[in-house]
Amino acid sequence: MAGSARTPTLTALLCLGTLPKPSIWADPGHIVTQGRPVTIWCQASLRADGYYLYKEKVSEPFWETSPDSSNKAGFPFASMSSHTAGRYQCAYHSRNSWSQRSDFLPLVVTGVYGAPSLSANPGPVVALGGTVSLSCSSQETGFGRFALTKDEELRAPQRLDGQPSPSFPLGPVSGTHGGRYRCYGGHNLSSTWSAPSAPLDILITGGEPLPRVLTVCSGPGTRVAPG
C-alpha cells in the first residue's frame, strides 16, 4: 500500500519537472582561507543523471558534472579566492525532469585583507561578574563589518556573524567567557574577510576557591577531613 501510494506523487513530480531539491554543503567547511582547497557537494534523494552548480547572479549553470557511485557530485575548487566566494545552489536532472534548486550555500573566504588587531579595555584580566570590551581595529579602509571568534585555534571559523561596530562588550562575565579570541574585518555585502587578528587571551579571575584539605594523623592510620 505504501509503495503504490507514493507512485502517483513521484509521477506527478516527474511530469512537472519539479523533483525534490538536493542537499548542498562544503568540505571542509563553507568558510575557507584564501588559497586553500574546498569542494562543494550536492546530493539528491533520487537517482540523478547529472548535477549542476549555480552561482548567485549568474543565470547559466556555473558547473556541470556526473554523480559518483553514492549518487552525489563534488565541485572541487583547488584554490579559494575572492572570485570563488559567493552564494551557490545546485540542482540535478533525472531522465527528462529537473529538480528544484537547493538552498543557498554561502562560500566565504578569509585572508583577503590584512589582519586587524584585537585589544581589551580595560584589560585582558577580568574579575568574575565584571565587564570588558573587545575592540577590533584595522589599517584597512572601508571595513563595514567586524566578527569575533572564540577558541578556534588555527581552524577556519565555523561562522562569521558580522556586525557594524568594531566593539564587542562582554559581561557580566562568567568562567565561560575566558578563552582565546580573534577578530576579522570585512566589507558590507561581501563574502570576503580579512585574515584573523593575533589571538587575545581573556582570563577570568575570582572564582570560588577550592576547599582546603586537612590531613590529621591518628595512630597508624591517616584520616582526611575538610578544612
Protein backbone atom coordinates (compact mmCIF):
# COMPACT_ATOMS: atom_id res chain seq x y z
CA MET A 1 0.00 0.00 0.00
CA ALA A 2 2.74 2.44 0.93
CA GLY A 3 4.61 1.85 -2.34
CA SER A 4 1.54 2.31 -4.52
CA ALA A 5 0.56 5.45 -2.62
CA ARG A 6 3.90 7.10 -3.41
CA THR A 7 3.88 6.24 -7.12
CA PRO A 8 1.33 8.87 -8.32
CA THR A 9 3.15 11.60 -6.39
CA LEU A 10 6.50 10.70 -7.92
CA THR A 11 4.95 10.50 -11.39
CA ALA A 12 3.42 13.95 -10.95
CA LEU A 13 6.76 15.38 -9.89
CA LEU A 14 8.47 13.91 -12.92
CA CYS A 15 5.84 15.31 -15.27
CA LEU A 16 6.02 18.75 -13.73
CA GLY A 17 9.81 18.80 -13.74
CA THR A 18 9.91 19.69 -10.04
CA LEU A 19 11.92 16.90 -8.46
CA PRO A 20 12.79 17.42 -4.78
CA LYS A 21 15.63 19.83 -4.17
CA PRO A 22 19.03 18.32 -3.33
CA SER A 23 21.25 18.92 -0.31
CA ILE A 24 24.33 21.13 -0.63
CA TRP A 25 27.35 21.50 1.64
CA ALA A 26 31.04 22.38 1.56
CA ASP A 27 34.00 20.30 2.71
CA PRO A 28 35.96 21.04 4.88
CA GLY A 29 33.54 23.94 5.54
CA HIS A 30 31.94 26.97 3.93
CA ILE A 31 34.47 29.42 5.44
CA VAL A 32 37.84 28.89 3.75
CA THR A 33 41.24 30.57 4.00
CA GLN A 34 42.43 32.16 0.77
CA GLY A 35 44.50 29.72 -1.28
CA ARG A 36 43.11 26.62 0.43
CA PRO A 37 41.04 23.99 -1.45
CA VAL A 38 37.33 23.43 -0.93
CA THR A 39 34.75 21.13 -2.50
CA ILE A 40 31.04 21.86 -2.83
CA TRP A 41 28.96 18.69 -2.64
CA CYS A 42 25.46 18.13 -3.97
CA GLN A 43 23.31 15.07 -3.28
CA ALA A 44 19.79 14.13 -4.36
CA SER A 45 17.32 11.80 -2.69
CA LEU A 46 16.51 10.31 -6.12
CA ARG A 47 18.90 8.79 -8.65
CA ALA A 48 20.39 11.65 -10.66
CA ASP A 49 21.78 11.62 -14.19
CA GLY A 50 23.65 14.91 -13.86
CA TYR A 51 24.35 17.69 -11.36
CA TYR A 52 24.61 21.43 -11.94
CA LEU A 53 26.16 24.16 -9.80
CA TYR A 54 24.82 27.71 -9.95
CA LYS A 55 26.36 30.89 -8.62
CA GLU A 56 24.16 33.75 -7.49
CA LYS A 57 23.59 36.45 -10.15
CA VAL A 58 24.78 34.08 -12.92
CA SER A 59 21.87 32.73 -14.96
CA GLU A 60 23.64 29.80 -16.63
CA PRO A 61 24.97 26.79 -14.70
CA PHE A 62 28.40 27.54 -13.28
CA TRP A 63 29.49 23.89 -13.50
CA GLU A 64 28.12 20.55 -14.71
CA THR A 65 29.23 17.08 -13.64
CA SER A 66 28.07 13.47 -13.24
CA PRO A 67 27.19 11.72 -9.97
CA ASP A 68 29.55 9.30 -8.27
CA SER A 69 28.64 5.83 -7.00
CA SER A 70 26.97 7.37 -3.93
CA ASN A 71 24.66 9.49 -6.09
CA LYS A 72 26.37 12.73 -5.10
CA ALA A 73 28.61 15.08 -7.04
CA GLY A 74 31.60 17.15 -6.00
CA PHE A 75 32.63 20.51 -7.44
CA PRO A 76 36.27 20.99 -6.33
CA PHE A 77 37.96 24.38 -6.15
CA ALA A 78 41.73 23.98 -5.96
CA SER A 79 42.39 27.44 -4.50
CA MET A 80 39.87 29.61 -2.69
CA SER A 81 39.84 33.27 -3.74
CA SER A 82 37.62 36.35 -3.73
CA HIS A 83 36.42 35.33 -7.22
CA THR A 84 35.35 31.92 -5.91
CA ALA A 85 33.49 33.37 -2.92
CA GLY A 86 29.75 33.88 -3.20
CA ARG A 87 26.44 32.10 -2.78
CA TYR A 88 25.84 28.81 -4.59
CA GLN A 89 22.95 26.50 -5.35
CA CYS A 90 22.87 23.13 -7.06
CA ALA A 91 20.29 21.12 -8.99
CA TYR A 92 20.08 17.79 -10.80
CA HIS A 93 18.17 16.13 -13.59
CA SER A 94 16.78 12.62 -13.76
CA ARG A 95 15.64 11.35 -17.14
CA ASN A 96 13.78 14.31 -18.64
CA SER A 97 12.94 16.15 -15.44
CA TRP A 98 14.75 18.77 -13.40
CA SER A 99 14.86 19.31 -9.69
CA GLN A 100 14.24 22.44 -7.75
CA ARG A 101 17.42 24.27 -6.82
CA SER A 102 18.94 23.60 -3.42
CA ASP A 103 19.07 26.10 -0.60
CA PHE A 104 21.81 28.72 -0.89
CA LEU A 105 25.29 27.84 0.36
CA PRO A 106 27.44 30.88 1.20
CA LEU A 107 31.10 30.26 0.36
CA VAL A 108 33.21 32.70 2.37
CA VAL A 109 36.93 33.44 2.01
CA THR A 110 39.21 34.81 4.74
CA GLY A 111 42.70 36.25 4.41
CA VAL A 112 41.89 38.60 1.52
CA TYR A 113 42.82 41.68 3.59
CA GLY A 114 45.46 42.30 6.22
CA ALA A 115 44.85 41.14 9.78
CA PRO A 116 43.24 43.62 12.20
CA SER A 117 44.33 43.99 15.81
CA LEU A 118 42.26 42.98 18.83
CA SER A 119 42.51 44.68 22.22
CA ALA A 120 40.68 44.55 25.55
CA ASN A 121 39.50 47.53 27.60
CA PRO A 122 40.27 47.88 30.48
CA GLY A 123 42.44 44.78 30.07
CA PRO A 124 42.51 41.04 29.35
CA VAL A 125 42.26 40.02 33.02
CA VAL A 126 38.66 40.40 34.21
CA ALA A 127 37.11 39.74 37.61
CA LEU A 128 34.18 37.35 37.74
CA GLY A 129 30.99 39.38 37.22
CA GLY A 130 32.88 42.29 35.69
CA THR A 131 32.77 43.65 32.14
CA VAL A 132 35.28 44.02 29.34
CA SER A 133 35.05 45.41 25.82
CA LEU A 134 36.99 43.82 22.96
CA SER A 135 37.86 46.19 20.13
CA CYS A 136 38.81 45.18 16.58
CA SER A 137 40.78 47.83 14.69
CA SER A 138 42.38 47.80 11.25
CA GLN A 139 44.51 49.91 8.94
CA GLU A 140 42.27 48.84 6.05
CA THR A 141 39.77 51.48 4.94
CA GLY A 142 36.12 50.82 4.31
CA PHE A 143 35.54 47.92 6.67
CA GLY A 144 31.84 47.89 7.48
CA ARG A 145 31.64 44.55 9.28
CA PHE A 146 33.53 43.01 12.15
CA ALA A 147 33.33 39.49 13.55
CA LEU A 148 34.63 37.90 16.74
CA THR A 149 35.52 34.23 17.19
CA LYS A 150 36.50 32.27 20.29
CA ASP A 151 38.73 29.23 20.75
CA GLU A 152 39.01 28.47 17.02
CA GLU A 153 42.79 27.97 17.24
CA LEU A 154 44.17 27.59 13.69
CA ARG A 155 40.99 26.07 12.25
CA ALA A 156 38.77 28.08 9.95
CA PRO A 157 35.88 29.55 11.94
CA GLN A 158 32.54 27.74 11.79
CA ARG A 159 30.68 31.02 11.31
CA LEU A 160 31.34 34.74 10.98
CA ASP A 161 28.46 36.82 12.27
CA GLY A 162 29.40 40.32 11.21
CA GLN A 163 28.26 43.49 12.94
CA PRO A 164 28.82 47.15 12.01
CA SER A 165 30.52 48.05 15.29
CA PRO A 166 34.15 47.07 15.94
CA SER A 167 33.42 46.81 19.70
CA PHE A 168 32.29 43.61 21.39
CA PRO A 169 31.21 44.16 25.02
CA LEU A 170 31.30 41.11 27.29
CA GLY A 171 29.71 40.93 30.71
CA PRO A 172 28.82 40.34 33.36
CA VAL A 173 31.45 37.71 32.68
CA SER A 174 31.46 34.14 33.93
CA GLY A 175 34.06 31.42 33.62
CA THR A 176 32.80 30.53 30.14
CA HIS A 177 33.92 33.94 28.83
CA GLY A 178 37.55 33.05 29.40
CA GLY A 179 39.46 31.83 26.37
CA ARG A 180 41.26 32.83 23.20
CA TYR A 181 39.64 35.39 20.89
CA ARG A 182 40.34 36.59 17.36
CA CYS A 183 38.57 39.10 15.16
CA TYR A 184 38.02 39.65 11.43
CA GLY A 185 37.14 42.67 9.31
CA GLY A 186 35.19 42.75 6.06
CA HIS A 187 33.22 44.90 3.67
CA ASN A 188 29.44 45.15 3.60
CA LEU A 189 27.54 42.75 1.31
CA SER A 190 30.70 40.81 0.57
CA SER A 191 31.82 37.21 1.08
CA THR A 192 35.43 38.25 1.65
CA TRP A 193 37.06 38.81 5.04
CA SER A 194 40.45 39.73 6.43
CA ALA A 195 42.98 37.38 7.92
CA PRO A 196 42.34 36.75 11.63
CA SER A 197 43.88 39.03 14.22
CA ALA A 198 46.57 37.79 16.55
CA PRO A 199 44.98 35.84 19.41
CA LEU A 200 43.93 37.64 22.59
CA ASP A 201 43.58 35.57 25.76
CA ILE A 202 40.89 36.66 28.23
CA LEU A 203 41.44 35.44 31.80
CA ILE A 204 38.59 35.41 34.33
CA THR A 205 39.62 35.69 37.99
CA GLY A 206 37.80 35.47 41.31
CA GLY A 207 36.08 32.11 41.02
CA GLU A 208 35.09 30.01 44.02
CA PRO A 209 38.23 28.90 45.90
CA LEU A 210 38.94 25.19 46.09
CA PRO A 211 38.10 23.65 49.50
CA ARG A 212 41.07 23.19 51.79
CA VAL A 213 42.02 19.65 52.76
CA LEU A 214 43.37 18.98 56.27
CA THR A 215 45.27 15.79 56.93
CA VAL A 216 45.13 14.57 60.53
CA CYS A 217 47.35 11.72 61.68
CA SER A 218 45.80 9.38 64.25
CA GLY A 219 47.82 6.41 65.24
CA PRO A 220 48.94 4.15 62.42
CA GLY A 221 46.19 5.31 60.06
CA THR A 222 45.52 8.63 58.35
CA ARG A 223 42.20 10.49 58.42
CA VAL A 224 41.42 13.26 55.94
CA ALA A 225 38.83 15.89 56.83
CA PRO A 226 37.78 19.06 55.03
CA GLY A 227 39.11 22.27 56.47
